[in-house]
Amino acid sequence: MTSLVDVYPTVLALAGVSANPEVQGENLVPYARGATSSAPRPVFSSTRDIRAVTIGSLELIEGKSSEFYDRSADPSQQTNLIESSPIAARMLRNALGLHTAYRDTWSRRRWGTVVRMTEAFAADHGL
């Protein structure tokens, strides 16, 4: 999965230009050339009334109600697993909450990602 924030650093990389290290997106050229990631990357999306996060094949959609799907087992998203998979849904809800809380100030370079944070996140927040 990719995110719209990855377009800018990827296009710069294709043009041979280094992106500012504070850019939130990630250069996807290595993945296009066969590299793999050791951890799943969260992808966030939102509208005025709906927020969603996808990590691997799991997707949580928060709006007027909560919906949780495993897209590899249910690609057409017909079975809402919110009641039957509360721990997995909570993991995605936590990632979505962190993203929402820090959306304007998150520094991927310093703090990593919401699924792979650096020690600096804890240090910067007195944890």
N, C-alpha and C. Protein backbone atom coordinates (compact mmCIF):
# COMPACT_ATOMS: atom_id res chain seq x y z
N MET A 1 0.83 -1.18 0.00
CA MET A 1 0.00 0.00 0.00
C MET A 1 0.87 1.24 0.00
N THR A 2 0.42 2.23 -0.68
CA THR A 2 1.12 3.50 -0.71
C THR A 2 0.18 4.60 -0.26
N SER A 3 0.76 5.75 0.00
CA SER A 3 -0.01 6.89 0.44
C SER A 3 0.31 8.08 -0.46
N LEU A 4 -0.61 9.00 -0.57
CA LEU A 4 -0.41 10.17 -1.41
C LEU A 4 0.82 10.97 -0.99
N VAL A 5 1.16 10.97 0.31
CA VAL A 5 2.34 11.72 0.75
C VAL A 5 3.63 11.14 0.19
N ASP A 6 3.58 9.92 -0.34
CA ASP A 6 4.78 9.29 -0.91
C ASP A 6 5.07 9.74 -2.34
N VAL A 7 4.11 10.40 -2.99
CA VAL A 7 4.30 10.80 -4.39
C VAL A 7 5.44 11.81 -4.52
N TYR A 8 5.44 12.84 -3.69
CA TYR A 8 6.45 13.91 -3.80
C TYR A 8 7.89 13.37 -3.67
N PRO A 9 8.24 12.65 -2.59
CA PRO A 9 9.63 12.16 -2.51
C PRO A 9 9.97 11.13 -3.59
N THR A 10 8.98 10.40 -4.05
CA THR A 10 9.23 9.42 -5.11
C THR A 10 9.54 10.11 -6.43
N VAL A 11 8.76 11.12 -6.77
CA VAL A 11 9.01 11.87 -8.01
C VAL A 11 10.37 12.56 -7.95
N LEU A 12 10.69 13.14 -6.80
CA LEU A 12 12.02 13.76 -6.65
C LEU A 12 13.13 12.74 -6.86
N ALA A 13 12.98 11.56 -6.27
CA ALA A 13 14.00 10.51 -6.43
C ALA A 13 14.15 10.11 -7.88
N LEU A 14 13.04 9.98 -8.59
CA LEU A 14 13.10 9.62 -10.01
C LEU A 14 13.80 10.70 -10.83
N ALA A 15 13.70 11.96 -10.37
CA ALA A 15 14.36 13.07 -11.05
C ALA A 15 15.82 13.24 -10.59
N GLY A 16 16.25 12.41 -9.63
CA GLY A 16 17.61 12.50 -9.14
C GLY A 16 17.83 13.60 -8.11
N VAL A 17 16.75 14.07 -7.50
CA VAL A 17 16.83 15.15 -6.51
C VAL A 17 16.54 14.58 -5.13
N SER A 18 17.34 14.95 -4.15
CA SER A 18 17.10 14.50 -2.78
C SER A 18 16.00 15.32 -2.14
N ALA A 19 15.09 14.64 -1.47
CA ALA A 19 14.01 15.33 -0.75
C ALA A 19 14.53 15.84 0.58
N ASN A 20 13.93 16.91 1.06
CA ASN A 20 14.23 17.40 2.39
C ASN A 20 13.95 16.28 3.38
N PRO A 21 14.84 16.01 4.34
CA PRO A 21 14.62 14.90 5.27
C PRO A 21 13.37 15.05 6.13
N GLU A 22 12.82 16.25 6.22
CA GLU A 22 11.60 16.47 7.01
C GLU A 22 10.33 16.10 6.24
N VAL A 23 10.45 15.79 4.96
CA VAL A 23 9.28 15.41 4.16
C VAL A 23 8.66 14.16 4.78
N GLN A 24 7.35 14.18 4.93
CA GLN A 24 6.66 13.08 5.60
C GLN A 24 6.54 11.83 4.75
N GLY A 25 6.56 11.95 3.45
CA GLY A 25 6.41 10.79 2.59
C GLY A 25 7.69 9.98 2.49
N GLU A 26 7.58 8.85 1.81
CA GLU A 26 8.70 7.94 1.64
C GLU A 26 8.94 7.70 0.16
N ASN A 27 10.20 7.69 -0.24
CA ASN A 27 10.58 7.38 -1.61
C ASN A 27 10.26 5.90 -1.87
N LEU A 28 9.40 5.64 -2.84
CA LEU A 28 8.97 4.27 -3.13
C LEU A 28 9.76 3.60 -4.24
N VAL A 29 10.74 4.28 -4.79
CA VAL A 29 11.54 3.70 -5.87
C VAL A 29 12.17 2.37 -5.46
N PRO A 30 12.77 2.26 -4.26
CA PRO A 30 13.35 0.96 -3.89
C PRO A 30 12.33 -0.19 -3.92
N TYR A 31 11.08 0.08 -3.51
CA TYR A 31 10.05 -0.96 -3.53
C TYR A 31 9.69 -1.34 -4.96
N ALA A 32 9.68 -0.37 -5.85
CA ALA A 32 9.39 -0.65 -7.25
C ALA A 32 10.49 -1.52 -7.87
N ARG A 33 11.66 -1.43 -7.29
CA ARG A 33 12.80 -2.24 -7.79
C ARG A 33 12.96 -3.55 -7.04
N GLY A 34 11.97 -3.91 -6.20
CA GLY A 34 11.97 -5.22 -5.57
C GLY A 34 12.30 -5.25 -4.09
N ALA A 35 12.63 -4.12 -3.49
CA ALA A 35 12.92 -4.10 -2.06
C ALA A 35 11.65 -4.43 -1.28
N THR A 36 11.81 -5.00 -0.11
CA THR A 36 10.67 -5.28 0.75
C THR A 36 10.84 -4.56 2.07
N SER A 37 9.75 -4.31 2.73
CA SER A 37 9.76 -3.64 4.02
C SER A 37 9.67 -4.68 5.12
N SER A 38 10.35 -4.43 6.23
CA SER A 38 10.31 -5.39 7.33
C SER A 38 9.06 -5.21 8.19
N ALA A 39 8.35 -4.12 8.01
CA ALA A 39 7.13 -3.87 8.78
C ALA A 39 6.06 -3.32 7.86
N PRO A 40 4.81 -3.65 8.12
CA PRO A 40 3.75 -3.09 7.29
C PRO A 40 3.66 -1.58 7.45
N ARG A 41 3.35 -0.89 6.38
CA ARG A 41 3.24 0.57 6.41
C ARG A 41 1.78 0.96 6.54
N PRO A 42 1.47 1.83 7.50
CA PRO A 42 0.09 2.28 7.58
C PRO A 42 -0.22 3.29 6.48
N VAL A 43 -1.43 3.23 5.98
CA VAL A 43 -1.90 4.19 4.99
C VAL A 43 -3.17 4.81 5.57
N PHE A 44 -3.18 6.13 5.66
CA PHE A 44 -4.29 6.86 6.26
C PHE A 44 -5.06 7.62 5.19
N SER A 45 -6.35 7.72 5.38
CA SER A 45 -7.17 8.54 4.49
C SER A 45 -8.31 9.13 5.31
N SER A 46 -8.81 10.25 4.82
CA SER A 46 -9.92 10.87 5.54
C SER A 46 -10.71 11.80 4.64
N THR A 47 -11.94 11.97 5.02
CA THR A 47 -12.81 13.00 4.46
C THR A 47 -13.27 13.82 5.66
N ARG A 48 -14.20 14.68 5.47
CA ARG A 48 -14.67 15.49 6.60
C ARG A 48 -15.31 14.62 7.68
N ASP A 49 -15.99 13.54 7.30
CA ASP A 49 -16.74 12.73 8.24
C ASP A 49 -16.18 11.33 8.48
N ILE A 50 -15.22 10.91 7.69
CA ILE A 50 -14.73 9.53 7.78
C ILE A 50 -13.20 9.54 7.84
N ARG A 51 -12.66 8.70 8.73
CA ARG A 51 -11.21 8.49 8.80
C ARG A 51 -10.96 7.00 8.65
N ALA A 52 -9.86 6.64 7.99
CA ALA A 52 -9.57 5.23 7.78
C ALA A 52 -8.07 4.99 7.84
N VAL A 53 -7.72 3.77 8.22
CA VAL A 53 -6.32 3.34 8.20
C VAL A 53 -6.29 1.91 7.68
N THR A 54 -5.29 1.65 6.85
CA THR A 54 -5.04 0.30 6.35
C THR A 54 -3.61 -0.07 6.72
N ILE A 55 -3.45 -1.22 7.33
CA ILE A 55 -2.12 -1.76 7.63
C ILE A 55 -2.13 -3.20 7.14
N GLY A 56 -1.28 -3.47 6.15
CA GLY A 56 -1.29 -4.79 5.53
C GLY A 56 -2.65 -5.01 4.88
N SER A 57 -3.31 -6.11 5.22
CA SER A 57 -4.62 -6.39 4.64
C SER A 57 -5.77 -5.92 5.53
N LEU A 58 -5.44 -5.37 6.70
CA LEU A 58 -6.48 -4.94 7.64
C LEU A 58 -6.86 -3.48 7.42
N GLU A 59 -8.16 -3.20 7.46
CA GLU A 59 -8.63 -1.84 7.25
C GLU A 59 -9.69 -1.49 8.29
N LEU A 60 -9.50 -0.33 8.93
CA LEU A 60 -10.47 0.20 9.88
C LEU A 60 -11.03 1.49 9.31
N ILE A 61 -12.35 1.60 9.31
CA ILE A 61 -13.02 2.80 8.83
C ILE A 61 -13.87 3.34 9.98
N GLU A 62 -13.60 4.59 10.36
CA GLU A 62 -14.33 5.23 11.45
C GLU A 62 -15.17 6.36 10.88
N GLY A 63 -16.47 6.28 11.07
CA GLY A 63 -17.40 7.32 10.64
C GLY A 63 -18.54 7.36 11.63
N LYS A 64 -19.75 7.31 11.14
CA LYS A 64 -20.91 7.23 12.03
C LYS A 64 -20.90 5.91 12.79
N SER A 65 -20.29 4.90 12.20
CA SER A 65 -20.09 3.61 12.86
C SER A 65 -18.67 3.15 12.55
N SER A 66 -18.24 2.08 13.21
CA SER A 66 -16.91 1.54 12.98
C SER A 66 -17.01 0.28 12.13
N GLU A 67 -16.13 0.19 11.14
CA GLU A 67 -16.08 -0.99 10.28
C GLU A 67 -14.65 -1.48 10.24
N PHE A 68 -14.49 -2.80 10.28
CA PHE A 68 -13.16 -3.41 10.29
C PHE A 68 -13.18 -4.62 9.37
N TYR A 69 -12.24 -4.64 8.42
CA TYR A 69 -12.22 -5.71 7.43
C TYR A 69 -10.82 -6.29 7.27
N ASP A 70 -10.78 -7.57 6.90
CA ASP A 70 -9.54 -8.20 6.46
C ASP A 70 -9.68 -8.35 4.95
N ARG A 71 -9.01 -7.46 4.22
CA ARG A 71 -9.20 -7.41 2.78
C ARG A 71 -8.62 -8.61 2.05
N SER A 72 -7.68 -9.35 2.66
CA SER A 72 -7.18 -10.54 1.98
C SER A 72 -8.20 -11.68 2.05
N ALA A 73 -8.94 -11.78 3.16
CA ALA A 73 -9.96 -12.82 3.30
C ALA A 73 -11.31 -12.38 2.73
N ASP A 74 -11.52 -11.06 2.67
CA ASP A 74 -12.82 -10.51 2.26
C ASP A 74 -12.59 -9.27 1.38
N PRO A 75 -12.10 -9.46 0.14
CA PRO A 75 -11.74 -8.31 -0.70
C PRO A 75 -12.89 -7.37 -1.01
N SER A 76 -14.11 -7.86 -1.00
CA SER A 76 -15.25 -6.98 -1.29
C SER A 76 -15.84 -6.36 -0.02
N GLN A 77 -15.20 -6.57 1.10
CA GLN A 77 -15.57 -5.98 2.39
C GLN A 77 -17.06 -6.19 2.70
N GLN A 78 -17.45 -7.44 2.75
CA GLN A 78 -18.84 -7.79 3.04
C GLN A 78 -19.07 -8.13 4.51
N THR A 79 -18.01 -8.56 5.23
CA THR A 79 -18.15 -8.99 6.61
C THR A 79 -17.40 -8.06 7.54
N ASN A 80 -18.13 -7.27 8.31
CA ASN A 80 -17.55 -6.34 9.27
C ASN A 80 -17.09 -7.15 10.49
N LEU A 81 -15.78 -7.12 10.77
CA LEU A 81 -15.19 -7.91 11.85
C LEU A 81 -15.01 -7.11 13.15
N ILE A 82 -15.65 -5.96 13.26
CA ILE A 82 -15.42 -5.08 14.41
C ILE A 82 -15.73 -5.78 15.73
N GLU A 83 -16.74 -6.62 15.78
CA GLU A 83 -17.11 -7.32 17.02
C GLU A 83 -16.29 -8.59 17.23
N SER A 84 -15.92 -9.27 16.17
CA SER A 84 -15.24 -10.55 16.31
C SER A 84 -13.72 -10.44 16.40
N SER A 85 -13.15 -9.28 16.09
CA SER A 85 -11.70 -9.11 16.15
C SER A 85 -11.35 -7.81 16.89
N PRO A 86 -11.73 -7.71 18.17
CA PRO A 86 -11.55 -6.44 18.87
C PRO A 86 -10.09 -6.04 19.09
N ILE A 87 -9.19 -6.99 19.26
CA ILE A 87 -7.79 -6.65 19.51
C ILE A 87 -7.14 -6.09 18.25
N ALA A 88 -7.37 -6.73 17.11
CA ALA A 88 -6.83 -6.22 15.85
C ALA A 88 -7.43 -4.86 15.50
N ALA A 89 -8.74 -4.72 15.75
CA ALA A 89 -9.39 -3.42 15.49
C ALA A 89 -8.80 -2.35 16.39
N ARG A 90 -8.52 -2.67 17.65
CA ARG A 90 -7.93 -1.71 18.59
C ARG A 90 -6.54 -1.28 18.11
N MET A 91 -5.75 -2.20 17.57
CA MET A 91 -4.42 -1.85 17.07
C MET A 91 -4.54 -0.79 15.98
N LEU A 92 -5.45 -0.99 15.05
CA LEU A 92 -5.62 -0.01 13.99
C LEU A 92 -6.22 1.29 14.51
N ARG A 93 -7.13 1.20 15.48
CA ARG A 93 -7.71 2.40 16.08
C ARG A 93 -6.62 3.22 16.78
N ASN A 94 -5.68 2.55 17.45
CA ASN A 94 -4.58 3.25 18.10
C ASN A 94 -3.70 3.97 17.07
N ALA A 95 -3.38 3.29 15.98
CA ALA A 95 -2.58 3.92 14.93
C ALA A 95 -3.30 5.12 14.34
N LEU A 96 -4.60 4.98 14.12
CA LEU A 96 -5.40 6.07 13.57
C LEU A 96 -5.46 7.24 14.55
N GLY A 97 -5.57 6.94 15.83
CA GLY A 97 -5.59 7.99 16.84
C GLY A 97 -4.29 8.77 16.91
N LEU A 98 -3.17 8.06 16.85
CA LEU A 98 -1.86 8.74 16.84
C LEU A 98 -1.72 9.61 15.61
N HIS A 99 -2.11 9.07 14.47
CA HIS A 99 -2.02 9.84 13.23
C HIS A 99 -2.87 11.11 13.32
N THR A 100 -4.07 10.98 13.82
CA THR A 100 -4.97 12.13 13.92
C THR A 100 -4.42 13.17 14.89
N ALA A 101 -3.93 12.71 16.03
CA ALA A 101 -3.42 13.64 17.05
C ALA A 101 -2.20 14.41 16.59
N TYR A 102 -1.34 13.76 15.80
CA TYR A 102 -0.07 14.37 15.42
C TYR A 102 0.02 14.71 13.93
N ARG A 103 -1.07 14.66 13.23
CA ARG A 103 -1.05 14.82 11.77
C ARG A 103 -0.30 16.05 11.30
N ASP A 104 -0.40 17.14 12.01
CA ASP A 104 0.25 18.38 11.57
C ASP A 104 1.67 18.55 12.09
N THR A 105 2.07 17.77 13.07
CA THR A 105 3.39 17.98 13.67
C THR A 105 4.30 16.75 13.62
N TRP A 106 3.81 15.63 13.11
CA TRP A 106 4.60 14.40 13.12
C TRP A 106 5.86 14.56 12.28
N SER A 107 6.98 14.12 12.82
CA SER A 107 8.24 14.13 12.09
C SER A 107 8.67 12.68 11.88
N ARG A 108 8.47 12.15 10.69
CA ARG A 108 8.84 10.76 10.41
C ARG A 108 10.35 10.57 10.59
N ARG A 109 11.11 11.58 10.22
CA ARG A 109 12.56 11.48 10.35
C ARG A 109 12.96 11.28 11.81
N ARG A 110 12.34 12.02 12.74
CA ARG A 110 12.72 11.92 14.15
C ARG A 110 11.96 10.82 14.88
N TRP A 111 10.66 10.68 14.62
CA TRP A 111 9.83 9.77 15.40
C TRP A 111 9.53 8.44 14.72
N GLY A 112 9.89 8.27 13.46
CA GLY A 112 9.58 7.04 12.75
C GLY A 112 8.14 7.04 12.29
N THR A 113 7.51 5.88 12.25
CA THR A 113 6.11 5.77 11.86
C THR A 113 5.30 5.30 13.06
N VAL A 114 3.98 5.38 12.95
CA VAL A 114 3.16 4.99 14.09
C VAL A 114 3.24 3.51 14.41
N VAL A 115 3.71 2.69 13.48
CA VAL A 115 3.89 1.27 13.78
C VAL A 115 5.35 0.92 14.07
N ARG A 116 6.24 1.86 13.88
CA ARG A 116 7.65 1.65 14.22
C ARG A 116 8.25 2.98 14.68
N MET A 117 7.91 3.35 15.91
CA MET A 117 8.39 4.62 16.45
C MET A 117 9.81 4.49 16.97
N THR A 118 10.50 5.61 16.93
CA THR A 118 11.85 5.65 17.47
C THR A 118 11.80 6.00 18.96
N GLU A 119 12.91 5.83 19.63
CA GLU A 119 13.00 6.21 21.05
C GLU A 119 12.81 7.70 21.23
N ALA A 120 13.08 8.47 20.19
CA ALA A 120 12.94 9.93 20.30
C ALA A 120 11.49 10.34 20.56
N PHE A 121 10.51 9.56 20.06
CA PHE A 121 9.11 9.90 20.32
C PHE A 121 8.84 9.87 21.82
N ALA A 122 9.28 8.81 22.47
CA ALA A 122 9.08 8.70 23.93
C ALA A 122 9.83 9.79 24.66
N ALA A 123 11.06 10.04 24.25
CA ALA A 123 11.86 11.07 24.93
C ALA A 123 11.24 12.46 24.77
N ASP A 124 10.75 12.77 23.58
CA ASP A 124 10.16 14.07 23.32
C ASP A 124 8.84 14.29 24.05
N HIS A 125 8.22 13.19 24.48
CA HIS A 125 6.92 13.27 25.15
C HIS A 125 7.00 12.88 26.63
N GLY A 126 8.20 12.85 27.17
CA GLY A 126 8.39 12.56 28.58
C GLY A 126 7.99 11.16 29.00
N LEU A 127 8.10 10.23 28.09
CA LEU A 127 7.73 8.84 28.40
C LEU A 127 8.94 7.99 28.75
